[in-house]
Amino acid sequence: MNDEIQLDALAIAAHRDDTEIVSGGTIIKLVDLGYKVGILDLTAGESGSRGDSETRRKEAEAAAAVIGLAFRHNLGLPDAGLFDSQENALEVARIICRTRPQLVILPYGNQRHPDHTAAGAIGYRGCFLAGLAKLPIGGEPHRPRKIIYSCSFQEIRPTFVVDITDQFQRKCQAVACYKSQFEETPGRREVYPPARNIFDFMEIQNRRYGYMIGAKYGEAFFQKEMLAVVNPLDLPGKSI
């Protein structure tokens, strides 16, 4: 891991491929805008029904190249055994202090996979702890200015939607790098029922979110704090 890199944005998720699926288009858009973006995967995916940790490592590297990431790191925490603990949060805090992102993207709320739920809690705790000077983290304290939560594929009303129309095909290319997870194999259980495959699922959902903002494709996010507006005339979008 490069200790010297400074990021503009960092996405944190439980497994390799999680970030690509729920916010890959937004990350690619940030890269297109010239920002340095990274992904922190908390586990190696060694307990998954498909593939193994080494295969998934290679797939994650391929996806990172498609996206144009400046940084990708894996903490190697237990897959299918991820918990919101002080020790795990301190590991995340160390990465926050080393990479110093202004924006962090986390998974939102309670999810079907317990690791996904834990990843959001660990990520938030890690962002908070990273700003405490007296903790044994190393480096200068740092807290991200903004934390947003990816709520794609969850039945809540998002706070905002990012237009990823120009990035959607590259998002699909990044997800396609995970052949061990999403290539159709006769007799194997589908990962994302009831959709026939993950690409059908992303097409349906990202079209749905895009429709909300008058775009072809979108990704949905939630922010916990109230949005501060200086000039209402500068608000984007049309009401009618």
Protein backbone atom coordinates (compact mmCIF):
# COMPACT_ATOMS: atom_id res chain seq x y z
CA MET A 1 0.00 0.00 0.00
CA ASN A 2 1.27 3.47 -0.89
CA ASP A 3 1.41 5.48 2.35
CA GLU A 4 1.98 8.78 0.53
CA ILE A 5 -1.15 8.94 -1.62
CA GLN A 6 -3.80 11.54 -0.87
CA LEU A 7 -7.29 10.82 -2.15
CA ASP A 8 -10.25 13.02 -2.90
CA ALA A 9 -12.76 10.22 -2.32
CA LEU A 10 -12.72 6.75 -0.77
CA ALA A 11 -15.43 4.08 -1.00
CA ILE A 12 -15.55 1.47 1.77
CA ALA A 13 -17.38 -1.85 1.39
CA ALA A 14 -17.36 -5.37 2.76
CA HIS A 15 -16.39 -7.31 -0.36
CA ARG A 16 -14.56 -6.93 -3.62
CA ASP A 17 -17.29 -6.08 -6.19
CA ASP A 18 -19.70 -4.44 -3.69
CA THR A 19 -18.60 -0.90 -4.52
CA GLU A 20 -18.60 -1.48 -8.26
CA ILE A 21 -22.21 -2.69 -8.17
CA VAL A 22 -23.77 0.05 -6.05
CA SER A 23 -21.63 3.10 -6.78
CA GLY A 24 -19.23 2.17 -9.57
CA GLY A 25 -20.70 4.70 -11.99
CA THR A 26 -20.30 7.54 -9.50
CA ILE A 27 -16.70 6.58 -8.80
CA ILE A 28 -15.94 6.48 -12.52
CA LYS A 29 -17.59 9.90 -12.86
CA LEU A 30 -15.35 11.31 -10.13
CA VAL A 31 -12.31 9.88 -11.93
CA ASP A 32 -13.56 11.45 -15.17
CA LEU A 33 -13.74 14.78 -13.34
CA GLY A 34 -10.07 14.49 -12.42
CA TYR A 35 -10.34 13.36 -8.80
CA LYS A 36 -8.18 10.73 -7.14
CA VAL A 37 -10.48 7.96 -5.94
CA GLY A 38 -9.86 4.76 -4.00
CA ILE A 39 -11.69 1.68 -2.74
CA LEU A 40 -11.13 -0.01 0.61
CA ASP A 41 -12.40 -3.61 0.65
CA LEU A 42 -12.75 -4.90 4.21
CA THR A 43 -12.62 -8.65 3.46
CA ALA A 44 -10.98 -10.89 0.87
CA GLY A 45 -14.20 -12.78 0.09
CA GLU A 46 -12.74 -16.11 1.16
CA SER A 47 -16.06 -17.43 2.50
CA GLY A 48 -18.16 -16.71 -0.58
CA SER A 49 -19.96 -19.52 -2.38
CA ARG A 50 -18.17 -18.64 -5.60
CA GLY A 51 -14.48 -18.14 -6.29
CA ASP A 52 -11.68 -17.76 -3.74
CA SER A 53 -9.68 -14.89 -2.27
CA GLU A 54 -6.86 -15.06 -4.81
CA THR A 55 -9.22 -15.15 -7.78
CA ARG A 56 -11.18 -12.25 -6.38
CA ARG A 57 -7.97 -10.28 -5.78
CA LYS A 58 -7.07 -10.56 -9.46
CA GLU A 59 -10.61 -9.63 -10.46
CA ALA A 60 -10.51 -6.58 -8.19
CA GLU A 61 -7.25 -5.45 -9.77
CA ALA A 62 -8.78 -5.77 -13.22
CA ALA A 63 -11.84 -3.78 -12.13
CA ALA A 64 -9.63 -1.09 -10.60
CA ALA A 65 -7.89 -0.66 -13.96
CA VAL A 66 -11.24 -0.28 -15.75
CA ILE A 67 -12.39 2.34 -13.24
CA GLY A 68 -9.07 4.20 -13.11
CA LEU A 69 -8.60 3.96 -9.34
CA ALA A 70 -5.64 5.69 -7.74
CA PHE A 71 -5.75 3.33 -4.75
CA ARG A 72 -7.21 -0.02 -3.74
CA HIS A 73 -6.51 -1.85 -0.50
CA ASN A 74 -7.90 -4.89 1.30
CA LEU A 75 -7.90 -5.11 5.10
CA GLY A 76 -8.29 -8.89 5.14
CA LEU A 77 -10.93 -8.91 7.87
CA PRO A 78 -12.99 -12.13 8.22
CA ASP A 79 -15.47 -12.66 5.39
CA ALA A 80 -18.93 -13.62 6.72
CA GLY A 81 -17.59 -12.65 10.14
CA LEU A 82 -17.44 -8.87 9.89
CA PHE A 83 -18.43 -7.02 13.06
CA ASP A 84 -18.51 -3.42 14.21
CA SER A 85 -15.65 -3.57 16.69
CA GLN A 86 -13.13 -1.01 17.91
CA GLU A 87 -10.28 -3.04 16.43
CA ASN A 88 -11.85 -3.16 12.97
CA ALA A 89 -12.73 0.53 13.08
CA LEU A 90 -9.16 1.43 14.03
CA GLU A 91 -7.92 -0.44 10.96
CA VAL A 92 -10.20 1.70 8.81
CA ALA A 93 -9.15 4.85 10.69
CA ARG A 94 -5.51 4.16 9.82
CA ILE A 95 -6.39 4.06 6.13
CA ILE A 96 -8.40 7.29 6.49
CA CYS A 97 -5.43 9.03 8.07
CA ARG A 98 -3.05 7.77 5.38
CA THR A 99 -5.22 8.64 2.39
CA ARG A 100 -6.99 11.73 3.83
CA PRO A 101 -10.13 11.69 1.62
CA GLN A 102 -12.61 14.56 1.69
CA LEU A 103 -15.48 12.27 0.66
CA VAL A 104 -16.23 8.77 1.95
CA ILE A 105 -18.91 6.50 0.44
CA LEU A 106 -20.38 3.85 2.76
CA PRO A 107 -23.11 1.17 2.49
CA TYR A 108 -26.46 2.32 3.84
CA GLY A 109 -28.45 0.77 6.67
CA ASN A 110 -29.45 -2.80 7.42
CA GLN A 111 -28.93 -5.14 4.49
CA ARG A 112 -29.52 -8.80 3.66
CA HIS A 113 -25.84 -9.68 4.02
CA PRO A 114 -24.70 -8.96 7.61
CA ASP A 115 -21.23 -8.01 6.36
CA HIS A 116 -22.74 -5.16 4.32
CA THR A 117 -24.53 -3.83 7.39
CA ALA A 118 -21.37 -4.09 9.46
CA ALA A 119 -19.26 -2.37 6.79
CA GLY A 120 -21.33 0.81 7.03
CA ALA A 121 -21.02 0.90 10.82
CA ILE A 122 -17.30 0.11 10.79
CA GLY A 123 -16.70 2.74 8.11
CA TYR A 124 -18.51 5.47 10.02
CA ARG A 125 -16.77 4.62 13.28
CA GLY A 126 -13.44 4.58 11.46
CA CYS A 127 -14.06 8.04 9.97
CA PHE A 128 -14.83 9.38 13.46
CA LEU A 129 -11.89 7.72 15.17
CA ALA A 130 -9.50 8.99 12.49
CA GLY A 131 -10.04 12.52 13.81
CA LEU A 132 -8.97 11.73 17.38
CA ALA A 133 -5.38 12.78 18.02
CA LYS A 134 -4.79 10.57 21.08
CA LEU A 135 -5.68 7.21 19.56
CA PRO A 136 -2.84 4.85 18.48
CA ILE A 137 -3.50 5.23 14.76
CA GLY A 138 -0.34 6.82 13.40
CA GLY A 139 -0.09 9.89 11.22
CA GLU A 140 -1.93 13.16 11.56
CA PRO A 141 -5.63 13.02 12.54
CA HIS A 142 -8.07 13.46 9.67
CA ARG A 143 -11.82 13.36 9.26
CA PRO A 144 -13.56 13.35 5.87
CA ARG A 145 -15.64 16.45 5.21
CA LYS A 146 -18.52 14.45 3.75
CA ILE A 147 -19.91 10.94 4.23
CA ILE A 148 -22.59 9.70 1.85
CA TYR A 149 -24.33 6.33 1.82
CA SER A 150 -25.01 4.25 -1.24
CA CYS A 151 -28.65 3.20 -1.07
CA SER A 152 -28.91 1.71 -4.55
CA PHE A 153 -31.12 -1.39 -4.57
CA GLN A 154 -32.70 -0.52 -1.19
CA GLU A 155 -36.32 0.49 -0.86
CA ILE A 156 -35.82 3.92 0.62
CA ARG A 157 -36.18 7.34 -0.93
CA PRO A 158 -32.67 8.61 -1.70
CA THR A 159 -31.51 12.10 -0.82
CA PHE A 160 -29.95 12.56 -4.25
CA VAL A 161 -29.19 10.66 -7.45
CA VAL A 162 -26.01 10.96 -9.51
CA ASP A 163 -26.38 10.92 -13.30
CA ILE A 164 -24.12 8.08 -14.53
CA THR A 165 -25.41 7.91 -18.09
CA ASP A 166 -21.94 8.42 -19.58
CA GLN A 167 -20.36 6.00 -17.10
CA PHE A 168 -22.86 3.13 -17.05
CA GLN A 169 -21.20 0.96 -19.71
CA ARG A 170 -17.81 1.24 -18.00
CA LYS A 171 -19.49 0.36 -14.71
CA CYS A 172 -20.78 -2.82 -16.35
CA GLN A 173 -17.28 -3.55 -17.67
CA ALA A 174 -15.87 -3.22 -14.15
CA VAL A 175 -18.49 -5.58 -12.69
CA ALA A 176 -17.85 -8.02 -15.55
CA CYS A 177 -14.28 -8.40 -14.28
CA TYR A 178 -15.73 -10.51 -11.46
CA LYS A 179 -16.23 -13.60 -13.58
CA SER A 180 -16.10 -15.94 -10.59
CA GLN A 181 -19.12 -14.19 -9.13
CA PHE A 182 -21.35 -13.31 -12.05
CA GLU A 183 -20.66 -15.53 -15.05
CA GLU A 184 -23.69 -17.71 -15.60
CA THR A 185 -22.93 -21.35 -14.84
CA PRO A 186 -25.59 -24.05 -15.28
CA GLY A 187 -26.70 -25.54 -12.00
CA ARG A 188 -25.24 -22.77 -9.83
CA ARG A 189 -27.43 -20.55 -7.69
CA GLU A 190 -27.95 -17.03 -9.00
CA VAL A 191 -26.38 -14.37 -6.79
CA TYR A 192 -29.00 -11.73 -7.51
CA PRO A 193 -32.45 -13.31 -7.86
CA PRO A 194 -35.03 -12.55 -9.13
CA ALA A 195 -33.01 -10.81 -11.87
CA ARG A 196 -31.56 -13.25 -14.37
CA ASN A 197 -28.11 -11.84 -13.70
CA ILE A 198 -26.39 -8.85 -12.14
CA PHE A 199 -26.34 -6.92 -15.41
CA ASP A 200 -30.10 -7.18 -15.81
CA PHE A 201 -30.41 -6.05 -12.22
CA MET A 202 -28.18 -3.00 -12.69
CA GLU A 203 -29.92 -2.08 -15.94
CA ILE A 204 -33.32 -2.11 -14.23
CA GLN A 205 -32.29 -0.30 -11.07
CA ASN A 206 -29.96 2.29 -12.59
CA ARG A 207 -32.59 3.10 -15.21
CA ARG A 208 -35.10 3.52 -12.36
CA TYR A 209 -32.86 5.97 -10.50
CA GLY A 210 -32.03 7.80 -13.70
CA TYR A 211 -35.73 8.23 -14.39
CA MET A 212 -36.08 10.03 -11.05
CA ILE A 213 -33.82 12.84 -12.28
CA GLY A 214 -34.62 12.83 -15.98
CA ALA A 215 -31.45 10.92 -16.96
CA LYS A 216 -30.98 7.53 -18.58
CA TYR A 217 -28.97 5.99 -15.71
CA GLY A 218 -28.43 7.02 -12.10
CA GLU A 219 -27.07 5.84 -8.77
CA ALA A 220 -28.87 6.64 -5.51
CA PHE A 221 -27.35 8.04 -2.32
CA PHE A 222 -28.45 9.18 1.11
CA GLN A 223 -26.94 11.82 3.38
CA LYS A 224 -27.85 12.03 7.04
CA GLU A 225 -27.40 15.75 7.52
CA MET A 226 -29.76 18.44 6.27
CA LEU A 227 -28.74 20.00 2.97
CA ALA A 228 -27.69 23.63 3.41
CA VAL A 229 -28.74 25.94 0.56
CA VAL A 230 -27.37 29.46 0.07
CA ASN A 231 -29.38 30.34 -3.01
CA PRO A 232 -32.56 28.38 -3.87
CA LEU A 233 -32.24 29.54 -7.47
CA ASP A 234 -29.10 27.44 -7.80
CA LEU A 235 -30.88 24.19 -6.90
CA PRO A 236 -30.55 21.66 -9.75
CA GLY A 237 -33.42 19.83 -11.43
CA LYS A 238 -36.97 20.76 -12.41
CA SER A 239 -40.05 20.45 -10.22
CA ILE A 240 -42.61 20.38 -13.06
